[in-house]
Amino acid sequence: MRQLLDRAAVSWAAGALGGFATAVALWAAGAWHLTGHLGVSFAPSLTPAWLYSRIVWGGLWGFLFMLPIARGRWWVRGIILSLAPSAVQLLWVFPHETRAGMLGLGLGMATPVVVLAANAVWGLTAAWLLRMLGRA
């Protein structure tokens, strides 16, 4: 039981760090007008609410790292697991909760690329931390 709780805590922490990295990356992409140049109308402010939401959800998604999926190369695992939050964002959150349309295309045609890249930051950061801790 202790080993399971240890794995869960470390996975949550890795996901939370990934969420923080994603929040900062998305903020920077908006602040430096990268998303605007891609035709995506998305430029969040770096506020406590923005960070909190990304860190908590990143931690929850971090539990995916407890699954025996793509063990081996840490970066491959991070990319593969990042597809789950991307799919939820593109197929559920955008069309049903934010009314940005399927795949978030109401925000711009490159929105799916931005979402996949942002979640790749999450997955790679979380997988990297787990590797550094010897848990990959």
Protein backbone atom coordinates (compact mmCIF):
# COMPACT_ATOMS: atom_id res chain seq x y z
CA MET A 1 0.00 0.00 0.00
CA ARG A 2 2.81 2.38 0.86
CA GLN A 3 4.48 1.74 -2.49
CA LEU A 4 1.22 2.54 -4.32
CA LEU A 5 0.79 5.79 -2.39
CA ASP A 6 4.41 6.70 -3.07
CA ARG A 7 3.94 6.12 -6.82
CA ALA A 8 0.70 8.12 -6.78
CA ALA A 9 2.28 11.06 -4.95
CA VAL A 10 5.30 11.19 -7.25
CA SER A 11 3.11 10.84 -10.35
CA TRP A 12 0.86 13.66 -9.15
CA ALA A 13 3.86 15.87 -8.41
CA ALA A 14 5.38 15.19 -11.84
CA GLY A 15 2.08 15.99 -13.52
CA ALA A 16 1.71 19.17 -11.45
CA LEU A 17 5.17 20.34 -12.51
CA GLY A 18 4.19 19.55 -16.09
CA GLY A 19 1.03 21.61 -15.61
CA PHE A 20 3.09 24.54 -14.34
CA ALA A 21 5.46 24.26 -17.32
CA THR A 22 2.49 24.14 -19.69
CA ALA A 23 0.86 27.19 -18.11
CA VAL A 24 4.06 29.21 -18.45
CA ALA A 25 4.66 27.98 -22.01
CA LEU A 26 1.12 28.91 -23.11
CA TRP A 27 1.37 32.28 -21.40
CA ALA A 28 4.73 32.96 -23.09
CA ALA A 29 3.36 31.87 -26.48
CA GLY A 30 0.51 34.34 -26.06
CA ALA A 31 2.64 37.14 -24.61
CA TRP A 32 5.17 36.84 -27.44
CA HIS A 33 2.31 36.72 -29.99
CA LEU A 34 3.28 33.25 -31.24
CA THR A 35 -0.31 32.03 -30.99
CA GLY A 36 -1.48 35.18 -32.77
CA HIS A 37 0.99 34.60 -35.61
CA LEU A 38 -0.44 31.09 -35.92
CA GLY A 39 -3.93 32.55 -36.20
CA VAL A 40 -5.05 31.24 -32.81
CA SER A 41 -6.95 33.71 -30.63
CA PHE A 42 -5.58 32.49 -27.33
CA ALA A 43 -3.34 34.55 -25.06
CA PRO A 44 -3.87 33.80 -21.36
CA SER A 45 -2.76 36.03 -18.52
CA LEU A 46 -0.30 34.63 -16.00
CA THR A 47 -2.64 34.82 -13.00
CA PRO A 48 -2.95 32.63 -9.89
CA ALA A 49 -6.23 31.21 -11.24
CA TRP A 50 -4.60 30.29 -14.57
CA LEU A 51 -1.65 28.62 -12.80
CA TYR A 52 -3.81 26.87 -10.20
CA SER A 53 -6.08 25.26 -12.75
CA ARG A 54 -3.17 24.01 -14.90
CA ILE A 55 -1.21 22.71 -11.91
CA VAL A 56 -4.16 20.82 -10.39
CA TRP A 57 -5.29 19.31 -13.71
CA GLY A 58 -1.69 18.53 -14.60
CA GLY A 59 -1.34 16.66 -11.33
CA LEU A 60 -4.52 14.70 -11.94
CA TRP A 61 -3.39 13.79 -15.45
CA GLY A 62 -0.07 12.78 -13.88
CA PHE A 63 -1.74 9.65 -12.54
CA LEU A 64 -1.48 8.33 -16.10
CA PHE A 65 2.22 7.80 -15.41
CA MET A 66 1.25 5.02 -13.01
CA LEU A 67 0.04 2.96 -15.97
CA PRO A 68 2.48 0.52 -17.58
CA ILE A 69 2.38 2.30 -20.94
CA ALA A 70 5.41 2.88 -23.16
CA ARG A 71 8.01 2.08 -20.57
CA GLY A 72 11.50 2.61 -21.86
CA ARG A 73 12.37 5.91 -23.46
CA TRP A 74 11.08 8.58 -21.11
CA TRP A 75 10.36 11.15 -23.83
CA VAL A 76 8.31 8.69 -25.91
CA ARG A 77 6.23 7.91 -22.85
CA GLY A 78 5.72 11.61 -22.17
CA ILE A 79 4.55 12.26 -25.73
CA ILE A 80 2.23 9.24 -25.82
CA LEU A 81 0.61 10.06 -22.48
CA SER A 82 0.19 13.70 -23.50
CA LEU A 83 -2.27 12.57 -26.16
CA ALA A 84 -4.91 11.81 -23.49
CA PRO A 85 -5.34 15.37 -22.18
CA SER A 86 -5.08 16.64 -25.76
CA ALA A 87 -7.94 14.41 -26.84
CA VAL A 88 -10.11 15.53 -23.91
CA GLN A 89 -9.38 19.21 -24.63
CA LEU A 90 -10.01 18.93 -28.36
CA LEU A 91 -12.97 16.54 -28.34
CA TRP A 92 -14.81 17.48 -25.15
CA VAL A 93 -13.74 20.74 -23.52
CA PHE A 94 -13.67 22.92 -26.64
CA PRO A 95 -16.94 21.74 -28.22
CA HIS A 96 -18.97 21.24 -25.03
CA GLU A 97 -17.65 23.58 -22.35
CA THR A 98 -16.11 26.56 -24.13
CA ARG A 99 -18.20 26.48 -27.32
CA ALA A 100 -15.03 26.91 -29.38
CA GLY A 101 -16.19 24.15 -31.73
CA MET A 102 -14.83 20.71 -32.48
CA LEU A 103 -11.05 20.68 -32.05
CA GLY A 104 -11.25 24.30 -30.90
CA LEU A 105 -11.30 25.48 -34.50
CA GLY A 106 -13.41 28.47 -33.43
CA LEU A 107 -10.20 29.83 -31.90
CA GLY A 108 -8.22 29.33 -35.11
CA MET A 109 -7.24 26.61 -37.54
CA ALA A 110 -3.93 25.92 -35.77
CA THR A 111 -5.58 25.35 -32.37
CA PRO A 112 -5.10 21.56 -32.47
CA VAL A 113 -1.38 22.08 -33.08
CA VAL A 114 -1.14 24.48 -30.14
CA VAL A 115 -3.01 22.03 -27.89
CA LEU A 116 -0.82 19.09 -28.93
CA ALA A 117 2.35 21.16 -28.39
CA ALA A 118 1.19 22.45 -24.99
CA ASN A 119 0.31 18.99 -23.77
CA ALA A 120 3.61 17.67 -25.13
CA VAL A 121 5.29 20.20 -22.81
CA TRP A 122 3.25 18.70 -19.96
CA GLY A 123 4.11 15.10 -20.86
CA LEU A 124 7.80 15.74 -21.46
CA THR A 125 8.20 17.74 -18.25
CA ALA A 126 6.44 15.11 -16.14
CA ALA A 127 8.31 12.22 -17.77
CA TRP A 128 11.61 14.07 -17.34
CA LEU A 129 11.00 14.60 -13.62
CA LEU A 130 10.08 10.94 -13.15
CA ARG A 131 13.28 9.98 -14.96
CA MET A 132 15.35 12.31 -12.77
CA LEU A 133 13.77 10.71 -9.68
CA GLY A 134 14.50 7.23 -10.99
CA ARG A 135 10.80 6.45 -11.45
CA ALA A 136 10.59 6.33 -15.26
